[in-house]
Amino acid sequence: MKVCVFSLILAISVTFTYSSSATPALVGVDQTALFAACLQQNGSPDSMLVSRDSSPEKYKKLNFQWNTRLGYIQPMAILLIRNATDVSNGVKCARELNIRIVPKSGGHSYEKYSFGDNSTIVIDLRRLDQIIVSEQSKTAEVGAGVLLARLYWEIWNHGKFGIPAGSCTTVGAGGLTLGGGYGFLSKRHGLTSDNVLEVEVVDAAGKIEMVDADSNPDMFWALLGGGGGNFGIVTKLKYKLFEAANVTFTHVYIHYYDVQRFSLVFKAWDTWNLDNLNTTAYGGLVIGPGFLTVNIFDAGMTAEDIERIREIFPAEDTIIKNLDFIELVVEGSHPAVKDPAELANVTRDDMYEYPFRAKSYFSSRTLTDDEIDQVGTVLARVPSRVLVQFSSYGGAINDIPIDATSFVHRNSLYNVQVPNDADPNDLAINEWVKELDQTLLQVLDNGEAYQNYNDGELGEEYLERYYGSNLQRLMAIKRKVDPDNIFHFPQSIPLTP
């Protein structure tokens, strides 16, 4: 099984309370027809609205859901917008008719929040696919519906630039960024959200705003880590890029065929990770049924650096590759592509269908030998269809104070993700995942979880685990910019605790 290590959430609040002036929903009335008429009245063509009844074939294609867990969600309609004005009209009509709307960028929400429910209208951002690269300013203006594959290709093809982002090529740039955005190069260049200069957003009143650190600092702060659908619908982002033309990345890949060696390998990885906390080197550890792999990426790695890694991680199978930026993207891509040029043509439909869910943890300390052995006892029995992924933090991520943006997870040594694509009814695997969950919560968890790996099993704990000490400010901004809680979903930021 290969999964998106650095995936996204298209976040969106728990309780839904319109103001007293809102129009109540009309029982027995065709809500999609009313919404279409409202769009037309506001200047957007009603033909953009694709309902499940009037255009079933087109609706089915637009409503593609690669994650088959939780069944097939059928929102009332999909609004295939063309620009920020269409989004604005959609928000205004939703307010007028008391219809819940949710934005969808790439559709990779682990809990499928970006598909809403059967009474929802989805604001589909796929047509916001423009990318404007400025070689002079080393920036890119990117529509929120652009997929990562094409973003990587365009910035490389127009100036040999790079950006730190995820490995899943079908993820939408908007959703990934608003939840933070973590990837192989985050220790070197920060999170994707750390590289945002400006955001175009449609607020809860339907107003189109350009926000940055000066023009609307509260909204800008909130969007960079807590912004996925909580405060408005983002339509465009401006990123700073890094020059990648003359940068060579070294990938050291170390494979072990005996999962019983976990304790020894993890001790080595844990020590290496702490020693490299303030460097740009990424270190990943993946445990699956019957194997362990260590992946280390960095630029400017010397022969001495590689030899040192070999000494720390002796193994039968070690592969070393030197890659430029776009080759590194291809190396970790999922769904896999073989040639960089293929990135330009990746579509949402390229994701294959399977049931998926994941657990997420952060750790802020190294483990004792006894704690490592305790975790290793469980991991020695990793079942099929499950992976356990440790990914290093530090470097440029942790250089930024935890209150500088709404992304709070900046005191961590590493993140742990436990993805699985097993049959949801497989009781044995479910019990093993619960056992591992209890062990990790007891042994290494620091009380945080990555909001881009959203987990519906967290219950009321999700707010503290996703946003920690930044939660109170996020709720205060929510009350200010969306007092009627227009933007909400099962794990959104509420108006009050």
Protein backbone atom coordinates (compact mmCIF):
# COMPACT_ATOMS: atom_id res chain seq x y z
CA MET A 1 0.00 0.00 0.00
CA LYS A 2 1.24 3.46 -0.90
CA VAL A 3 -0.57 6.46 0.52
CA CYS A 4 -0.28 10.23 0.56
CA VAL A 5 2.17 10.86 3.38
CA PHE A 6 1.50 14.58 3.30
CA SER A 7 -2.15 14.90 2.59
CA LEU A 8 -4.72 17.59 2.99
CA ILE A 9 -7.96 18.55 4.57
CA LEU A 10 -10.38 20.84 2.98
CA ALA A 11 -11.67 21.98 6.33
CA ILE A 12 -14.95 23.63 6.83
CA SER A 13 -18.03 24.13 12.31
CA VAL A 14 -19.78 22.05 14.68
CA THR A 15 -22.96 23.97 15.41
CA PHE A 16 -24.85 25.81 12.72
CA THR A 17 -26.63 28.94 13.91
CA TYR A 18 -27.82 31.55 11.48
CA SER A 19 -28.76 34.97 12.73
CA SER A 20 -32.41 35.69 13.31
CA SER A 21 -32.54 37.60 10.03
CA ALA A 22 -31.68 34.53 7.96
CA THR A 23 -34.39 33.08 5.75
CA PRO A 24 -35.62 29.72 7.06
CA ALA A 25 -35.35 26.72 4.74
CA LEU A 26 -38.55 26.19 2.75
CA VAL A 27 -39.92 22.72 3.31
CA GLY A 28 -41.11 20.93 0.17
CA VAL A 29 -39.57 23.49 -2.19
CA ASP A 30 -36.90 22.54 -4.74
CA GLN A 31 -33.90 24.17 -3.09
CA THR A 32 -31.63 23.68 -6.10
CA ALA A 33 -34.11 25.48 -8.35
CA LEU A 34 -34.28 28.38 -5.91
CA PHE A 35 -30.49 28.45 -5.68
CA ALA A 36 -30.16 28.43 -9.48
CA ALA A 37 -32.63 31.30 -9.79
CA CYS A 38 -30.76 33.26 -7.15
CA LEU A 39 -27.46 32.73 -8.98
CA GLN A 40 -28.94 34.03 -12.21
CA GLN A 41 -30.43 37.02 -10.46
CA ASN A 42 -26.98 37.87 -9.06
CA GLY A 43 -25.28 37.58 -12.44
CA SER A 44 -23.90 34.01 -12.41
CA PRO A 45 -25.37 31.52 -14.93
CA ASP A 46 -27.60 28.85 -13.44
CA SER A 47 -25.98 26.35 -15.79
CA MET A 48 -23.02 26.17 -13.40
CA LEU A 49 -25.22 24.35 -10.90
CA VAL A 50 -25.12 20.60 -11.49
CA SER A 51 -27.74 18.76 -9.45
CA ARG A 52 -27.93 15.07 -8.71
CA ASP A 53 -31.36 14.90 -10.39
CA SER A 54 -31.12 17.11 -13.48
CA SER A 55 -27.63 16.09 -14.73
CA PRO A 56 -26.87 12.64 -13.25
CA GLU A 57 -23.94 11.73 -15.53
CA LYS A 58 -22.15 15.06 -15.17
CA TYR A 59 -22.94 15.07 -11.46
CA LYS A 60 -21.43 11.60 -11.04
CA LYS A 61 -18.19 12.65 -12.72
CA LEU A 62 -17.88 15.83 -10.65
CA ASN A 63 -18.76 13.95 -7.47
CA PHE A 64 -15.96 11.38 -7.82
CA GLN A 65 -14.92 10.12 -4.36
CA TRP A 66 -11.71 8.11 -4.27
CA ASN A 67 -12.16 7.33 -0.57
CA THR A 68 -14.93 4.72 -0.42
CA ARG A 69 -15.08 4.65 3.38
CA LEU A 70 -18.26 6.27 4.76
CA GLY A 71 -20.16 5.38 1.61
CA TYR A 72 -21.05 7.54 -1.35
CA ILE A 73 -22.09 11.04 -0.32
CA GLN A 74 -24.58 12.76 -2.63
CA PRO A 75 -24.68 16.50 -2.04
CA MET A 76 -27.79 18.27 -3.30
CA ALA A 77 -25.84 19.97 -6.08
CA ILE A 78 -22.36 21.01 -7.18
CA LEU A 79 -21.66 24.62 -8.11
CA LEU A 80 -18.94 24.61 -10.75
CA ILE A 81 -17.70 28.17 -10.31
CA ARG A 82 -15.49 30.12 -12.73
CA ASN A 83 -14.13 32.96 -10.59
CA ALA A 84 -14.32 34.68 -7.21
CA THR A 85 -17.49 36.53 -8.25
CA ASP A 86 -19.29 33.22 -8.75
CA VAL A 87 -18.15 32.12 -5.29
CA SER A 88 -19.43 35.41 -3.89
CA ASN A 89 -22.82 34.87 -5.51
CA GLY A 90 -22.91 31.32 -4.20
CA VAL A 91 -22.27 32.51 -0.64
CA LYS A 92 -24.94 35.22 -0.91
CA CYS A 93 -27.52 32.76 -2.24
CA ALA A 94 -26.67 30.21 0.44
CA ARG A 95 -27.26 32.86 3.10
CA GLU A 96 -30.52 33.97 1.55
CA LEU A 97 -31.91 30.43 1.23
CA ASN A 98 -30.36 28.96 4.39
CA ILE A 99 -28.51 26.25 2.45
CA ARG A 100 -25.23 24.87 3.75
CA ILE A 101 -22.28 25.20 1.37
CA VAL A 102 -18.85 23.61 1.54
CA PRO A 103 -15.82 24.34 -0.66
CA LYS A 104 -13.97 21.54 -2.41
CA SER A 105 -10.48 21.95 -3.81
CA GLY A 106 -9.06 18.48 -4.47
CA GLY A 107 -11.48 16.34 -2.44
CA HIS A 108 -8.86 14.74 -0.18
CA SER A 109 -10.47 15.34 3.20
CA TYR A 110 -9.85 12.09 5.10
CA GLU A 111 -13.38 12.30 6.56
CA LYS A 112 -14.89 13.52 3.25
CA TYR A 113 -15.96 16.82 4.78
CA SER A 114 -15.48 18.58 1.44
CA PHE A 115 -18.42 16.59 0.02
CA GLY A 116 -20.86 17.84 2.65
CA ASP A 117 -24.05 15.79 2.92
CA ASN A 118 -27.26 15.23 0.97
CA SER A 119 -28.60 18.70 1.82
CA THR A 120 -25.40 20.54 0.93
CA ILE A 121 -24.28 22.46 -2.13
CA VAL A 122 -20.60 21.95 -2.89
CA ILE A 123 -18.62 24.94 -4.16
CA ASP A 124 -16.30 23.14 -6.58
CA LEU A 125 -13.11 25.14 -7.20
CA ARG A 126 -11.58 23.04 -9.99
CA ARG A 127 -11.99 25.77 -12.61
CA LEU A 128 -9.85 28.09 -10.50
CA ASP A 129 -6.82 26.52 -12.17
CA GLN A 130 -4.74 29.53 -13.20
CA ILE A 131 -1.02 29.67 -12.36
CA ILE A 132 0.94 32.87 -12.99
CA VAL A 133 4.68 32.59 -12.29
CA SER A 134 6.81 35.71 -11.93
CA GLU A 135 10.47 34.90 -12.48
CA GLN A 136 11.42 38.41 -11.42
CA SER A 137 9.71 38.36 -8.02
CA LYS A 138 10.05 34.57 -7.58
CA THR A 139 6.35 34.21 -6.82
CA ALA A 140 3.35 32.36 -8.17
CA GLU A 141 -0.33 33.33 -8.11
CA VAL A 142 -2.27 30.07 -7.91
CA GLY A 143 -5.97 29.30 -8.12
CA ALA A 144 -7.26 27.35 -5.13
CA GLY A 145 -8.42 24.52 -7.41
CA VAL A 146 -4.98 23.82 -8.87
CA LEU A 147 -3.71 20.30 -8.17
CA LEU A 148 -0.22 19.87 -6.72
CA ALA A 149 0.98 17.94 -9.76
CA ARG A 150 0.37 20.83 -12.11
CA LEU A 151 1.62 23.41 -9.61
CA TYR A 152 4.95 21.58 -9.35
CA TRP A 153 5.25 21.26 -13.12
CA GLU A 154 4.37 24.86 -13.95
CA ILE A 155 6.73 26.50 -11.45
CA TRP A 156 9.53 24.16 -12.55
CA ASN A 157 8.81 24.70 -16.24
CA HIS A 158 8.69 28.50 -15.82
CA GLY A 159 11.91 29.36 -14.05
CA LYS A 160 13.05 26.12 -12.38
CA PHE A 161 11.39 27.06 -9.09
CA GLY A 162 10.26 24.86 -6.22
CA ILE A 163 7.78 25.02 -3.37
CA PRO A 164 7.52 22.90 -0.20
CA ALA A 165 4.28 20.94 -0.42
CA GLY A 166 2.88 17.41 -0.27
CA SER A 167 3.55 14.24 -2.24
CA CYS A 168 -0.03 13.47 -3.35
CA THR A 169 -0.31 14.83 -6.85
CA THR A 170 -4.13 14.98 -6.91
CA VAL A 171 -4.41 17.12 -3.77
CA GLY A 172 -5.73 20.67 -4.24
CA ALA A 173 -3.33 23.50 -3.45
CA GLY A 174 -5.98 25.42 -1.51
CA GLY A 175 -6.94 22.69 0.91
CA LEU A 176 -3.38 21.56 1.55
CA THR A 177 -2.13 25.08 2.26
CA LEU A 178 -4.94 26.17 4.57
CA GLY A 179 -4.26 23.27 6.93
CA GLY A 180 -0.50 23.92 7.01
CA GLY A 181 0.94 21.81 4.20
CA TYR A 182 3.82 19.48 5.13
CA GLY A 183 6.27 17.73 2.83
CA PHE A 184 9.78 16.41 2.30
CA LEU A 185 11.23 19.92 2.04
CA SER A 186 9.40 21.55 4.95
CA LYS A 187 12.43 21.43 7.24
CA ARG A 188 14.36 23.35 4.58
CA HIS A 189 11.70 25.80 3.35
CA GLY A 190 8.87 25.69 5.90
CA LEU A 191 5.28 24.57 5.50
CA THR A 192 3.34 25.45 2.37
CA SER A 193 1.37 27.98 4.44
CA ASP A 194 4.61 29.58 5.62
CA ASN A 195 5.29 30.53 2.01
CA VAL A 196 1.98 32.34 1.39
CA LEU A 197 2.25 36.08 0.75
CA GLU A 198 -1.35 36.95 -0.05
CA VAL A 199 -4.77 35.29 -0.15
CA GLU A 200 -7.94 36.08 -2.08
CA VAL A 201 -10.93 35.01 0.01
CA VAL A 202 -14.71 35.32 -0.14
CA ASP A 203 -16.01 36.04 3.35
CA ALA A 204 -19.27 35.09 5.03
CA ALA A 205 -21.05 38.13 3.60
CA GLY A 206 -19.95 37.25 0.07
CA LYS A 207 -17.34 40.04 -0.05
CA ILE A 208 -14.18 39.34 -2.08
CA GLU A 209 -11.07 40.38 -0.14
CA MET A 210 -7.33 40.34 -0.76
CA VAL A 211 -5.71 39.72 2.62
CA ASP A 212 -2.11 39.69 3.76
CA ALA A 213 -0.16 40.40 6.92
CA ASP A 214 -0.88 44.14 6.61
CA SER A 215 -4.33 44.50 5.06
CA ASN A 216 -6.21 42.06 7.29
CA PRO A 217 -3.75 40.45 9.71
CA ASP A 218 -6.35 38.52 11.74
CA MET A 219 -7.90 36.81 8.72
CA PHE A 220 -4.48 36.17 7.19
CA TRP A 221 -3.21 34.65 10.45
CA ALA A 222 -6.27 32.42 10.78
CA LEU A 223 -6.10 31.13 7.21
CA LEU A 224 -2.51 29.91 7.57
CA GLY A 225 -3.19 26.67 9.38
CA GLY A 226 -6.80 26.98 10.49
CA GLY A 227 -8.38 28.38 7.39
CA GLY A 228 -9.84 25.51 5.41
CA GLY A 229 -13.46 26.57 5.07
CA ASN A 230 -13.72 27.94 8.62
CA PHE A 231 -13.58 31.64 7.82
CA GLY A 232 -14.37 31.97 4.13
CA ILE A 233 -13.71 30.36 0.77
CA VAL A 234 -10.20 30.93 -0.52
CA THR A 235 -10.06 31.40 -4.28
CA LYS A 236 -6.43 32.32 -4.93
CA LEU A 237 -3.06 32.23 -3.14
CA LYS A 238 0.20 33.98 -3.85
CA TYR A 239 3.28 31.97 -2.89
CA LYS A 240 6.95 32.82 -2.65
CA LEU A 241 9.06 30.25 -4.50
CA PHE A 242 12.63 29.05 -4.05
CA GLU A 243 15.21 28.74 -6.80
CA ALA A 244 15.77 25.06 -7.54
CA ALA A 245 17.69 25.05 -10.82
CA ASN A 246 21.07 24.20 -9.31
CA VAL A 247 19.95 22.25 -6.26
CA THR A 248 20.61 18.53 -5.98
CA PHE A 249 18.76 16.50 -3.37
CA THR A 250 20.17 13.24 -2.08
CA HIS A 251 17.75 10.50 -1.13
CA VAL A 252 19.12 7.73 1.07
CA TYR A 253 16.68 4.81 1.18
CA ILE A 254 17.34 2.05 3.71
CA HIS A 255 15.19 -1.09 3.77
CA TYR A 256 14.91 -3.72 6.49
CA TYR A 257 13.09 -6.99 5.89
CA ASP A 258 12.55 -7.86 9.56
CA VAL A 259 10.05 -5.76 11.49
CA GLN A 260 11.39 -7.36 14.68
CA ARG A 261 14.34 -4.97 14.36
CA PHE A 262 12.05 -2.02 15.10
CA SER A 263 13.53 -1.19 18.51
CA LEU A 264 17.09 -1.02 17.19
CA VAL A 265 16.13 0.92 14.07
CA PHE A 266 13.85 3.33 15.93
CA LYS A 267 16.52 4.08 18.54
CA ALA A 268 18.91 4.96 15.72
CA TRP A 269 16.26 7.04 13.92
CA ASP A 270 15.17 8.81 17.12
CA THR A 271 18.78 9.76 17.88
CA TRP A 272 19.43 10.86 14.28
CA ASN A 273 16.24 12.90 14.28
CA LEU A 274 17.16 14.75 17.49
CA ASP A 275 20.72 15.39 16.25
CA ASN A 276 19.26 16.87 13.05
CA LEU A 277 16.42 18.82 14.65
CA ASN A 278 17.90 22.16 13.62
CA THR A 279 19.12 21.06 10.19
CA THR A 280 17.32 20.91 6.85
CA ALA A 281 17.47 17.11 6.62
CA TYR A 282 14.19 15.19 6.45
CA GLY A 283 14.08 11.77 8.08
CA GLY A 284 11.19 9.36 7.66
CA LEU A 285 10.59 5.94 9.15
CA VAL A 286 7.87 3.66 7.75
CA ILE A 287 6.79 0.37 9.32
CA GLY A 288 4.57 -2.03 7.44
CA PRO A 289 3.71 -5.72 7.56
CA GLY A 290 7.13 -7.39 7.63
CA PHE A 291 9.36 -4.43 6.77
CA LEU A 292 10.86 -1.13 7.91
CA THR A 293 12.24 1.65 5.72
CA VAL A 294 14.26 4.75 6.55
CA ASN A 295 14.19 7.67 4.09
CA ILE A 296 16.53 10.64 4.44
CA PHE A 297 16.40 13.63 2.09
CA ASP A 298 18.62 16.70 2.02
CA ALA A 299 20.38 19.03 -0.37
CA GLY A 300 24.14 19.43 -0.34
CA MET A 301 24.74 16.04 1.26
CA THR A 302 28.44 15.07 1.22
CA ALA A 303 30.06 11.64 0.93
CA GLU A 304 30.88 11.88 4.62
CA ASP A 305 27.21 12.56 5.44
CA ILE A 306 26.15 9.48 3.49
CA GLU A 307 28.79 7.32 5.15
CA ARG A 308 27.64 8.49 8.56
CA ILE A 309 24.05 7.54 7.71
CA ARG A 310 25.24 4.11 6.62
CA GLU A 311 27.01 3.67 9.95
CA ILE A 312 23.92 4.66 11.92
CA PHE A 313 21.55 2.51 9.84
CA PRO A 314 23.40 -0.62 8.70
CA ALA A 315 21.14 -2.63 6.40
CA GLU A 316 21.19 -5.19 3.63
CA ASP A 317 19.50 -2.90 1.15
CA THR A 318 20.54 0.76 0.81
CA ILE A 319 19.77 2.85 -2.26
CA ILE A 320 21.21 6.31 -2.85
CA LYS A 321 19.82 8.68 -5.49
CA ASN A 322 20.74 12.21 -6.50
CA LEU A 323 17.71 14.12 -7.77
CA ASP A 324 16.77 17.60 -8.90
CA PHE A 325 13.58 19.16 -7.54
CA ILE A 326 11.18 17.84 -10.17
CA GLU A 327 12.74 14.37 -9.99
CA LEU A 328 12.21 14.44 -6.23
CA VAL A 329 8.54 15.27 -6.83
CA VAL A 330 8.22 12.32 -9.22
CA GLU A 331 10.09 10.03 -6.81
CA GLY A 332 7.49 10.54 -4.07
CA SER A 333 4.41 11.07 -6.22
CA HIS A 334 1.11 9.34 -5.53
CA PRO A 335 -0.59 8.39 -7.72
CA ALA A 336 2.74 7.58 -9.28
CA VAL A 337 3.98 9.26 -12.44
CA LYS A 338 7.04 8.10 -14.36
CA ASP A 339 8.02 11.29 -16.15
CA PRO A 340 7.89 14.92 -14.94
CA ALA A 341 5.92 16.01 -18.01
CA GLU A 342 3.07 13.72 -16.91
CA LEU A 343 2.48 16.04 -13.94
CA ALA A 344 0.86 18.59 -16.26
CA ASN A 345 -1.98 16.19 -17.07
CA VAL A 346 -2.81 14.67 -13.67
CA THR A 347 -6.53 14.89 -12.85
CA ARG A 348 -8.67 14.20 -9.81
CA ASP A 349 -9.86 11.00 -11.48
CA ASP A 350 -6.33 9.58 -11.41
CA MET A 351 -6.78 8.61 -7.76
CA TYR A 352 -7.87 4.99 -7.51
CA GLU A 353 -10.79 4.11 -5.25
CA TYR A 354 -10.27 2.44 -1.89
CA PRO A 355 -11.41 2.79 1.75
CA PHE A 356 -9.06 5.04 3.70
CA ARG A 357 -8.69 6.44 7.19
CA ALA A 358 -5.77 7.55 9.38
CA LYS A 359 -4.73 8.43 12.91
CA SER A 360 -2.30 11.26 13.69
CA TYR A 361 0.03 12.10 16.59
CA PHE A 362 2.89 14.46 17.40
CA SER A 363 5.80 13.83 19.75
CA SER A 364 7.96 16.47 21.43
CA ARG A 365 10.55 14.25 23.10
CA THR A 366 12.79 11.26 22.55
CA LEU A 367 11.66 7.94 24.02
CA THR A 368 13.28 5.77 26.65
CA ASP A 369 14.40 2.26 25.73
CA ASP A 370 11.45 0.79 27.63
CA GLU A 371 9.00 3.03 25.77
CA ILE A 372 10.51 2.10 22.42
CA ASP A 373 10.23 -1.58 23.29
CA GLN A 374 6.60 -1.04 24.34
CA VAL A 375 5.74 0.50 20.96
CA GLY A 376 7.83 -2.13 19.17
CA THR A 377 5.84 -4.95 20.76
CA VAL A 378 2.71 -3.66 19.02
CA LEU A 379 4.42 -2.76 15.74
CA ALA A 380 5.87 -6.24 15.44
CA ARG A 381 2.31 -7.26 14.50
CA VAL A 382 1.52 -4.60 11.88
CA PRO A 383 -1.32 -6.13 9.82
CA SER A 384 -1.68 -5.97 6.08
CA ARG A 385 -3.23 -2.80 4.62
CA VAL A 386 -1.73 -0.65 7.43
CA LEU A 387 1.36 1.55 7.60
CA VAL A 388 2.90 3.52 10.46
CA GLN A 389 4.80 6.61 9.28
CA PHE A 390 7.15 8.74 11.38
CA SER A 391 8.09 12.08 9.74
CA SER A 392 10.63 14.51 11.15
CA TYR A 393 9.79 18.08 12.14
CA GLY A 394 12.17 20.86 13.17
CA GLY A 395 14.29 23.08 10.96
CA ALA A 396 12.35 25.87 9.25
CA ILE A 397 9.03 24.57 10.65
CA ASN A 398 10.08 25.02 14.26
CA ASP A 399 11.96 28.27 13.64
CA ILE A 400 8.59 30.07 13.51
CA PRO A 401 6.88 30.81 16.88
CA ILE A 402 3.74 28.79 17.52
CA ASP A 403 1.57 31.93 17.61
CA ALA A 404 3.03 33.51 14.45
CA THR A 405 0.42 31.66 12.37
CA SER A 406 -2.54 29.51 13.37
CA PHE A 407 -0.49 26.35 12.71
CA VAL A 408 0.45 25.39 16.27
CA HIS A 409 2.55 22.23 15.85
CA ARG A 410 5.97 23.86 15.97
CA ASN A 411 7.47 22.34 19.11
CA SER A 412 7.43 18.79 17.79
CA LEU A 413 10.22 16.40 16.93
CA TYR A 414 8.10 14.35 14.56
CA ASN A 415 4.62 13.48 13.40
CA VAL A 416 3.18 9.97 13.31
CA GLN A 417 0.50 8.99 10.83
CA VAL A 418 -1.20 5.58 10.81
CA PRO A 419 -3.02 5.24 7.48
CA ASN A 420 -4.88 2.11 6.49
CA ASP A 421 -6.98 1.02 3.54
CA ALA A 422 -8.33 -2.14 5.09
CA ASP A 423 -11.96 -3.16 4.88
CA PRO A 424 -13.73 -0.98 7.49
CA ASN A 425 -15.47 -4.12 8.76
CA ASP A 426 -12.24 -6.03 9.40
CA LEU A 427 -12.51 -6.43 13.18
CA ALA A 428 -8.98 -7.77 13.67
CA ILE A 429 -7.36 -4.78 11.99
CA ASN A 430 -9.67 -2.35 13.77
CA GLU A 431 -8.71 -3.86 17.13
CA TRP A 432 -5.00 -3.65 16.29
CA VAL A 433 -5.34 0.02 15.30
CA LYS A 434 -7.09 0.71 18.62
CA GLU A 435 -4.30 -1.07 20.51
CA LEU A 436 -1.66 1.00 18.72
CA ASP A 437 -3.67 4.17 19.31
CA GLN A 438 -3.80 3.53 23.05
CA THR A 439 -0.07 2.76 23.11
CA LEU A 440 0.98 5.87 21.18
CA LEU A 441 -1.31 8.12 23.23
CA GLN A 442 0.32 6.76 26.37
CA VAL A 443 3.94 6.66 25.20
CA LEU A 444 4.75 9.48 22.78
CA ASP A 445 1.71 11.68 22.06
CA ASN A 446 2.02 15.35 23.07
CA GLY A 447 -1.69 16.07 22.81
CA GLU A 448 -1.68 17.31 19.21
CA ALA A 449 -2.87 15.96 15.85
CA TYR A 450 -2.44 17.30 12.32
CA GLN A 451 -5.61 18.99 11.08
CA ASN A 452 -4.85 17.94 7.50
CA TYR A 453 -5.10 14.32 8.66
CA ASN A 454 -8.58 14.84 10.05
CA ASP A 455 -9.90 12.04 12.23
CA GLY A 456 -13.60 11.73 13.01
CA GLU A 457 -12.91 9.48 16.00
CA LEU A 458 -11.35 12.30 18.05
CA GLY A 459 -14.72 13.43 19.39
CA GLU A 460 -14.67 16.73 21.27
CA GLU A 461 -10.87 16.58 21.55
CA TYR A 462 -10.31 17.61 17.95
CA LEU A 463 -10.18 21.36 18.63
CA GLU A 464 -7.42 21.12 21.22
CA ARG A 465 -5.50 18.53 19.25
CA TYR A 466 -5.65 20.47 15.97
CA TYR A 467 -5.21 24.03 17.26
CA GLY A 468 -3.89 23.91 20.85
CA SER A 469 -2.96 27.29 22.32
CA ASN A 470 -4.09 29.09 19.14
CA LEU A 471 -7.70 27.94 19.53
CA GLN A 472 -8.99 30.90 21.56
CA ARG A 473 -7.74 33.43 19.01
CA LEU A 474 -9.17 31.35 16.17
CA MET A 475 -12.61 31.34 17.79
CA ALA A 476 -12.41 35.09 18.40
CA ILE A 477 -11.64 35.65 14.71
CA LYS A 478 -14.46 33.27 13.77
CA ARG A 479 -16.94 35.35 15.79
CA LYS A 480 -15.66 38.48 14.06
CA VAL A 481 -15.65 37.35 10.42
CA ASP A 482 -18.42 34.71 10.44
CA PRO A 483 -20.78 35.54 13.33
CA ASP A 484 -23.64 33.51 11.81
CA ASN A 485 -21.43 30.42 11.40
CA ILE A 486 -22.08 30.19 7.67
CA PHE A 487 -18.99 28.02 7.20
CA HIS A 488 -19.25 24.89 9.29
CA PHE A 489 -18.72 21.14 9.18
CA PRO A 490 -18.35 18.33 11.76
CA GLN A 491 -14.81 19.37 12.82
CA SER A 492 -14.82 23.08 12.13
CA ILE A 493 -13.91 25.95 14.44
CA PRO A 494 -17.01 26.98 16.45
CA LEU A 495 -17.98 30.43 17.63
CA THR A 496 -17.61 29.46 21.29
CA PRO A 497 -16.04 26.50 23.16
